[in-house]
Protein backbone atom coordinates (compact mmCIF):
# COMPACT_ATOMS: atom_id res chain seq x y z
CA UNK A 1 37.71 42.82 -11.37
CA UNK A 2 37.40 38.73 -10.16
CA UNK A 3 33.83 37.82 -10.20
CA UNK A 4 32.08 37.22 -6.58
CA UNK A 5 32.31 33.83 -5.41
CA UNK A 6 28.77 32.16 -4.14
CA UNK A 7 28.72 29.23 -1.81
CA UNK A 8 25.87 27.40 -0.49
CA UNK A 9 25.39 27.77 3.07
CA UNK A 10 26.16 24.64 5.41
CA UNK A 11 23.01 22.86 5.98
CA UNK A 12 23.23 21.27 9.51
CA UNK A 13 21.85 17.80 10.31
CA UNK A 14 18.22 17.52 12.03
CA UNK A 15 19.10 17.23 15.84
CA UNK A 16 17.17 14.95 18.10
CA UNK A 17 17.02 13.92 21.88
CA UNK A 18 18.57 11.28 23.18
CA UNK A 19 20.65 8.46 20.94
CA UNK A 20 18.14 7.28 18.58
CA UNK A 21 15.90 9.56 16.48
CA UNK A 22 12.22 9.31 17.11
CA UNK A 23 10.52 11.60 15.18
CA UNK A 24 9.85 10.70 11.26
CA UNK A 25 11.73 13.72 9.59
CA UNK A 26 14.76 12.81 12.17
CA UNK A 27 15.50 9.31 10.76
CA UNK A 28 17.68 11.39 8.20
CA UNK A 29 20.00 8.06 7.62
CA UNK A 30 17.20 5.97 6.70
CA UNK A 31 15.79 8.51 4.52
CA UNK A 32 19.00 8.48 2.54
CA UNK A 33 19.59 4.22 2.48
CA UNK A 34 22.28 5.24 -0.87
CA UNK A 35 24.50 6.67 1.56
CA UNK A 36 23.84 4.87 4.90
CA UNK A 37 23.50 1.97 3.43
CA UNK A 38 25.28 0.32 6.94
CA UNK A 39 22.60 1.57 8.41
CA UNK A 40 19.72 1.16 7.14
CA UNK A 41 20.92 -2.91 7.02
CA UNK A 42 21.00 -2.84 10.26
CA UNK A 43 17.65 -1.84 10.41
CA UNK A 44 16.56 -4.10 8.05
CA UNK A 45 18.31 -7.08 10.16
CA UNK A 46 16.23 -6.28 13.06
CA UNK A 47 12.99 -7.09 11.20
CA UNK A 48 12.01 -3.17 10.97
CA UNK A 49 11.49 -1.34 7.66
CA UNK A 50 13.87 1.50 7.67
CA UNK A 51 11.38 4.99 7.47
CA UNK A 52 10.51 6.39 4.27
CA UNK A 53 10.83 3.35 2.50
CA UNK A 54 9.17 -0.16 2.05
CA UNK A 55 10.31 -3.46 1.17
CA UNK A 56 8.65 -5.75 -1.02
CA UNK A 57 6.57 -9.03 -0.31
CA UNK A 58 6.84 -12.28 -1.85
CA UNK A 59 8.78 -11.27 -4.18
CA UNK A 60 10.21 -14.40 -5.14
CA UNK A 61 6.98 -16.27 -5.26
CA UNK A 62 5.39 -12.95 -7.45
CA UNK A 63 8.19 -13.74 -10.17
CA UNK A 64 7.26 -16.98 -9.78
CA UNK A 65 3.85 -17.24 -11.20
CA UNK A 66 4.66 -14.29 -13.22
CA UNK A 67 7.48 -15.61 -14.61
CA UNK A 68 8.42 -12.72 -16.99
CA UNK A 69 10.19 -12.85 -19.93
CA UNK A 70 12.59 -10.45 -21.87
CA UNK A 71 10.65 -8.21 -24.26
CA UNK A 72 7.24 -8.92 -22.53
CA UNK A 73 4.93 -5.67 -21.95
CA UNK A 74 4.28 -6.04 -17.76
CA UNK A 75 1.76 -3.60 -15.84
CA UNK A 76 2.24 -2.69 -11.82
CA UNK A 77 -0.67 -1.71 -10.87
CA UNK A 78 0.04 -0.37 -7.91
CA UNK A 79 4.12 0.83 -8.07
CA UNK A 80 4.30 1.94 -4.52
CA UNK A 81 8.37 2.15 -3.51
CA UNK A 82 9.09 0.09 -6.67
CA UNK A 83 10.42 -3.04 -5.37
CA UNK A 84 8.39 -5.16 -7.14
CA UNK A 85 8.50 -3.09 -10.36
CA UNK A 86 12.33 -3.49 -10.03
CA UNK A 87 12.85 -6.99 -10.36
CA UNK A 88 10.00 -7.84 -12.85
CA UNK A 89 12.22 -4.77 -14.94
CA UNK A 90 15.43 -6.72 -14.80
CA UNK A 91 13.62 -9.89 -16.07
CA UNK A 92 11.75 -8.08 -19.06
CA UNK A 93 14.81 -6.50 -20.10
CA UNK A 94 15.85 -6.06 -22.79
CA UNK A 95 13.35 -5.08 -25.03
CA UNK A 96 10.54 -5.17 -22.58
CA UNK A 97 8.80 -2.23 -20.87
CA UNK A 98 6.71 -1.68 -17.53
CA UNK A 99 4.07 0.57 -16.96
CA UNK A 100 3.63 1.44 -13.57
CA UNK A 101 0.48 2.67 -12.25
CA UNK A 102 -0.23 4.79 -9.04
CA UNK A 103 -2.34 7.52 -7.91
CA UNK A 104 -0.18 8.61 -5.00
CA UNK A 105 1.09 12.25 -6.22
CA UNK A 106 3.66 12.27 -3.64
CA UNK A 107 5.58 9.20 -3.60
CA UNK A 108 5.11 8.60 -7.31
CA UNK A 109 7.87 11.07 -8.70
CA UNK A 110 10.51 9.31 -6.26
CA UNK A 111 9.79 5.99 -7.33
CA UNK A 112 10.38 6.89 -11.14
CA UNK A 113 13.60 8.58 -9.93
CA UNK A 114 14.64 5.46 -7.67
CA UNK A 115 14.26 3.00 -10.50
CA UNK A 116 15.85 5.19 -13.30
CA UNK A 117 18.61 5.85 -11.04
CA UNK A 118 19.07 1.83 -10.68
CA UNK A 119 19.71 1.83 -14.13
CA UNK A 120 16.41 0.83 -15.65
CA UNK A 121 16.15 3.20 -18.93
CA UNK A 122 13.75 5.70 -19.82
CA UNK A 123 11.85 3.82 -22.27
CA UNK A 124 11.56 0.78 -20.25
CA UNK A 125 9.75 2.59 -17.69
CA UNK A 126 6.24 4.52 -18.09
CA UNK A 127 4.65 6.20 -15.51
CA UNK A 128 0.79 7.02 -14.87
CA UNK A 129 -0.73 8.83 -12.36
CA UNK A 130 -3.75 7.01 -11.83
CA UNK A 131 -5.86 4.39 -10.21
CA UNK A 132 -5.43 0.68 -11.54
CA UNK A 133 -9.52 0.82 -12.01
CA UNK A 134 -8.66 3.04 -15.08
CA UNK A 135 -6.24 0.28 -16.49
CA UNK A 136 -8.16 -0.24 -19.67
CA UNK A 137 -8.49 3.62 -20.54
CA UNK A 138 -4.76 3.65 -20.08
CA UNK A 139 -3.95 0.75 -22.42
CA UNK A 140 -6.76 1.95 -25.00
CA UNK A 141 -4.34 5.44 -25.05
CA UNK A 142 -1.20 3.53 -25.36
CA UNK A 143 -2.77 1.63 -28.44
CA UNK A 144 -2.60 -1.44 -26.89
CA UNK A 145 -4.85 -4.42 -27.19
CA UNK A 146 -3.30 -6.42 -23.96
CA UNK A 147 0.03 -6.92 -22.43
CA UNK A 148 1.72 -9.95 -21.16
CA UNK A 149 1.92 -9.25 -16.95
CA UNK A 150 -0.52 -7.56 -14.51
CA UNK A 151 1.03 -7.72 -10.74
CA UNK A 152 -1.73 -5.53 -8.29
CA UNK A 153 -0.33 -5.03 -4.75
CA UNK A 154 -3.19 -4.13 -2.68
CA UNK A 155 -1.03 -3.23 0.74
CA UNK A 156 -0.56 0.42 2.21
CA UNK A 157 3.16 1.10 1.52
CA UNK A 158 5.33 1.14 4.68
CA UNK A 159 6.50 4.95 3.47
CA UNK A 160 2.98 5.55 3.72
CA UNK A 161 2.45 4.24 7.16
CA UNK A 162 5.50 5.66 8.23
CA UNK A 163 4.73 9.41 7.21
CA UNK A 164 2.44 10.61 10.52
CA UNK A 165 1.65 13.83 7.99
CA UNK A 166 -0.08 11.35 5.65
CA UNK A 167 -2.16 10.14 8.52
CA UNK A 168 -2.13 6.43 8.14
CA UNK A 169 -0.72 5.68 11.60
CA UNK A 170 -2.30 5.85 14.93
CA UNK A 171 1.15 5.66 16.67
CA UNK A 172 2.41 9.49 15.89
CA UNK A 173 0.23 12.26 15.94
CA UNK A 174 -1.04 13.76 12.64
CA UNK A 175 -3.84 14.75 10.66
CA UNK A 176 -6.73 12.30 10.53
CA UNK A 177 -6.65 12.00 6.70
CA UNK A 178 -6.08 8.51 4.84
CA UNK A 179 -6.12 9.38 1.21
CA UNK A 180 -4.03 7.62 -1.21
CA UNK A 181 -4.11 11.34 -2.69
CA UNK A 182 -3.81 13.85 -0.78
CA UNK A 183 -5.26 15.91 -3.74
CA UNK A 184 -8.47 14.22 -3.64
CA UNK A 185 -11.48 13.61 -2.17
CA UNK A 186 -12.49 14.31 1.56
CA UNK A 187 -10.00 13.41 4.91
CA UNK A 188 -10.97 10.30 7.43
CA UNK A 189 -11.50 13.28 9.60
CA UNK A 190 -14.80 14.52 7.04
CA UNK A 191 -16.35 11.23 6.38
CA UNK A 192 -16.14 10.70 10.29
CA UNK A 193 -17.82 13.39 11.48
CA UNK A 194 -20.80 12.31 8.51
CA UNK A 195 -21.45 9.01 9.53
CA UNK A 196 -24.27 7.78 12.48
CA UNK A 197 -23.80 4.74 14.84
CA UNK A 198 -25.40 2.53 11.98
CA UNK A 199 -23.02 3.63 8.93
CA UNK A 200 -20.12 3.63 11.38
CA UNK A 201 -21.07 0.23 12.35
CA UNK A 202 -22.10 -1.13 9.14
CA UNK A 203 -18.46 0.14 7.93
CA UNK A 204 -16.28 -1.24 10.81
CA UNK A 205 -17.95 -4.77 9.84
CA UNK A 206 -17.82 -4.53 6.09
CA UNK A 207 -14.39 -2.92 5.67
CA UNK A 208 -12.27 -4.46 8.54
CA UNK A 209 -14.71 -7.29 9.90
CA UNK A 210 -14.12 -5.59 13.60
CA UNK A 211 -15.84 -8.11 16.55
CA UNK A 212 -16.59 -5.41 18.80
CA UNK A 213 -18.05 -2.53 15.90
CA UNK A 214 -20.50 -1.48 18.09
CA UNK A 215 -19.17 -0.30 21.15
CA UNK A 216 -16.55 1.00 18.97
CA UNK A 217 -18.55 3.05 17.18
CA UNK A 218 -20.50 4.37 19.90
CA UNK A 219 -16.99 5.14 21.74
CA UNK A 220 -16.17 6.91 18.83
CA UNK A 221 -19.16 8.88 18.95
CA UNK A 222 -19.16 9.72 21.99
CA UNK A 223 -15.72 11.65 21.73
CA UNK A 224 -17.05 13.35 18.57
CA UNK A 225 -19.95 14.44 19.98
CA UNK A 226 -17.68 16.96 22.88
CA UNK A 227 -14.60 17.36 19.96
CA UNK A 228 -14.50 16.80 16.60
CA UNK A 229 -12.00 13.87 16.39
CA UNK A 230 -9.21 15.48 13.62
CA UNK A 231 -5.87 13.46 14.36
CA UNK A 232 -5.13 10.33 14.27
CA UNK A 233 -4.02 10.34 18.21
CA UNK A 234 -7.43 11.29 19.00
CA UNK A 235 -9.28 8.26 16.95
CA UNK A 236 -7.03 5.90 18.27
CA UNK A 237 -7.69 7.02 21.81
CA UNK A 238 -11.63 6.82 21.05
CA UNK A 239 -11.21 3.36 20.32
CA UNK A 240 -9.59 2.51 23.20
CA UNK A 241 -11.93 4.31 25.37
CA UNK A 242 -14.34 1.43 24.12
CA UNK A 243 -12.35 -0.85 26.10
CA UNK A 244 -12.29 0.00 29.69
CA UNK A 245 -8.84 -0.79 31.42
CA UNK A 246 -10.36 -2.27 34.59
CA UNK A 247 -12.31 -4.69 33.04
CA UNK A 248 -9.29 -6.88 32.10
CA UNK A 249 -11.22 -8.21 29.20
CA UNK A 250 -8.82 -7.48 26.26
CA UNK A 251 -4.54 -7.17 26.05
CA UNK A 252 -3.09 -4.14 24.98
CA UNK A 253 -2.00 -5.75 21.95
CA UNK A 254 -5.91 -7.19 21.01
CA UNK A 255 -6.85 -3.33 21.70
CA UNK A 256 -4.30 -2.11 19.64
CA UNK A 257 -5.67 -4.75 16.75
CA UNK A 258 -8.88 -3.17 16.75
CA UNK A 259 -7.42 0.44 16.46
CA UNK A 260 -5.56 -1.17 13.17
CA UNK A 261 -9.05 -2.03 11.77
CA UNK A 262 -10.70 1.13 12.40
CA UNK A 263 -7.93 2.89 10.67
CA UNK A 264 -8.12 0.21 7.85
CA UNK A 265 -11.96 0.57 7.49
CA UNK A 266 -11.61 4.50 7.47
CA UNK A 267 -9.08 4.33 4.78
CA UNK A 268 -10.98 1.90 2.46
CA UNK A 269 -13.87 3.93 2.36
CA UNK A 270 -12.17 7.39 1.79
CA UNK A 271 -10.38 5.68 -0.84
CA UNK A 272 -13.34 3.80 -2.09
CA UNK A 273 -10.81 0.57 -2.55
CA UNK A 274 -13.56 -1.96 -2.85
CA UNK A 275 -15.30 -0.15 -5.50
CA UNK A 276 -11.82 -0.02 -7.28
CA UNK A 277 -10.88 -3.40 -6.84
CA UNK A 278 -14.53 -4.82 -8.18
CA UNK A 279 -13.72 -2.66 -11.46
CA UNK A 280 -10.23 -3.56 -12.11
CA UNK A 281 -11.49 -7.30 -11.69
CA UNK A 282 -14.33 -6.91 -13.61
CA UNK A 283 -12.16 -5.25 -16.68
CA UNK A 284 -8.88 -7.74 -16.00
CA UNK A 285 -9.12 -10.62 -18.74
CA UNK A 286 -9.84 -7.49 -21.78
CA UNK A 287 -6.30 -6.08 -20.48
CA UNK A 288 -4.27 -9.24 -20.55
CA UNK A 289 -2.94 -11.03 -24.16
CA UNK A 290 -3.49 -14.53 -24.59
CA UNK A 291 -1.39 -16.79 -22.12
CA UNK A 292 -1.27 -13.31 -20.45
CA UNK A 293 -0.46 -13.51 -16.33
CA UNK A 294 -1.98 -11.70 -13.49
CA UNK A 295 -0.87 -11.50 -9.76
CA UNK A 296 -2.84 -10.13 -6.94
CA UNK A 297 -1.24 -9.35 -3.27
CA UNK A 298 -4.25 -8.70 -0.45
CA UNK A 299 -3.76 -7.88 2.91
CA UNK A 300 -7.73 -8.12 3.96
CA UNK A 301 -9.99 -10.63 3.96
CA UNK A 302 -12.53 -8.37 1.88
CA UNK A 303 -10.04 -8.20 -0.81
CA UNK A 304 -8.93 -11.49 -0.76
CA UNK A 305 -12.73 -12.79 -1.24
CA UNK A 306 -13.18 -10.68 -4.44
CA UNK A 307 -9.89 -11.85 -6.03
CA UNK A 308 -11.24 -15.22 -5.41
CA UNK A 309 -14.15 -14.95 -6.48
CA UNK A 310 -13.43 -13.12 -9.74
CA UNK A 311 -10.64 -15.54 -10.19
CA UNK A 312 -13.07 -18.68 -9.88
CA UNK A 313 -15.96 -17.00 -12.01
CA UNK A 314 -13.05 -16.37 -14.86
CA UNK A 315 -12.39 -19.94 -14.79
CA UNK A 316 -15.56 -21.10 -14.93
CA UNK A 317 -16.34 -19.08 -17.77
CA UNK A 318 -13.11 -19.96 -19.69
CA UNK A 319 -11.67 -16.40 -19.26
CA UNK A 320 -8.55 -17.92 -17.11
CA UNK A 321 -7.12 -21.30 -18.15
CA UNK A 322 -5.27 -21.51 -14.56
CA UNK A 323 -5.85 -20.01 -11.90
CA UNK A 324 -4.55 -20.63 -7.95
CA UNK A 325 -6.68 -22.56 -6.26
CA UNK A 326 -4.58 -22.74 -2.88
CA UNK A 327 -4.15 -19.00 -1.21
CA UNK A 328 0.11 -18.75 -1.66
CA UNK A 329 1.40 -16.96 1.93
CA UNK A 330 5.09 -15.35 2.53
CA UNK A 331 7.56 -17.89 3.65
CA UNK A 332 7.72 -18.00 7.63
CA UNK A 333 11.44 -16.63 7.26
CA UNK A 334 10.10 -13.75 5.04
CA UNK A 335 7.57 -12.56 8.06
CA UNK A 336 10.12 -13.26 10.28
CA UNK A 337 12.55 -10.65 8.85
CA UNK A 338 9.38 -8.41 7.73
CA UNK A 339 6.75 -8.55 10.14
CA UNK A 340 4.64 -6.28 7.77
CA UNK A 341 4.10 -9.70 5.47
CA UNK A 342 2.21 -11.79 7.88
CA UNK A 343 -1.26 -10.84 6.15
CA UNK A 344 -0.40 -11.07 2.67
CA UNK A 345 -2.32 -13.92 0.92
CA UNK A 346 -1.00 -14.08 -2.87
CA UNK A 347 -3.46 -15.54 -5.94
CA UNK A 348 -2.75 -15.67 -9.67
CA UNK A 349 -4.30 -16.62 -12.80
CA UNK A 350 -2.93 -17.20 -16.19
CA UNK A 351 -5.25 -15.97 -19.80
CA UNK A 352 -6.58 -18.75 -21.79
């Protein structure tokens, strides 16, 4: 008797209204760049980042300052989508290896699979789910006295921003979360509910340099007193309510900039980003071999200020032989092609 044949039921693609997908889940072509390369290329050429992907920033500049060589050991302390890591790996092979660190349990397995699919051998890529502040402990566990290259890209990855379920964007409704690792800590909605006006003003000022911190804090707390703010769009509406349309004092673009800064301030607080960065910078020299190089890409004045001061102090103390005395910014053509690069600042140092 012939064995019964089993067939996989046909799965129809996601349907959407109109001629273009709007929801993150509907953008199936952008989520599958290998299959829909032509469509993805058109999106990139229009100056946008395809949904679910990320375009690495300052790749050429980073490779110039890190100068990776075959056989070296490197660390990408914020692996993200893996764009920088892929280029560094190509430069240190054969014989080299890269440790990729990231706290995001959602994206990390995808990135590891993507890099191996690009031809990176298993022994050349070691992926660890950890915060970069724990780099000294990781190197000790790997019995490594130091490495030749360290890169830290402190920007938020586009695939995190674009996915409304992660709560990083105010353009689409989603839970007000903002955690890099959604399995740890409390979401931004819980943090917001615990802040009084003084604490919220301080948070918006210190974490985002928001010039209208007090009026925004008051507007948020007025809304919070009526209904707990639990979604991204509810927070965005609360921030906008601090600027009555009738006043005409600020443009829509300026108000949106304030909304972005509020989200940024909460994200930094939820993930304790400044504390992690300070710890990373404190132990960074001990993680580098003599002559080792580090590059740090920042997107916020508070981050850049901390990196600048740490490198200057290291140069004064003789820990670093050379540092970047002037910040490196993306070229104008890169900013035109990828507007998310506009606030990037790159600094570097070389271990003595």
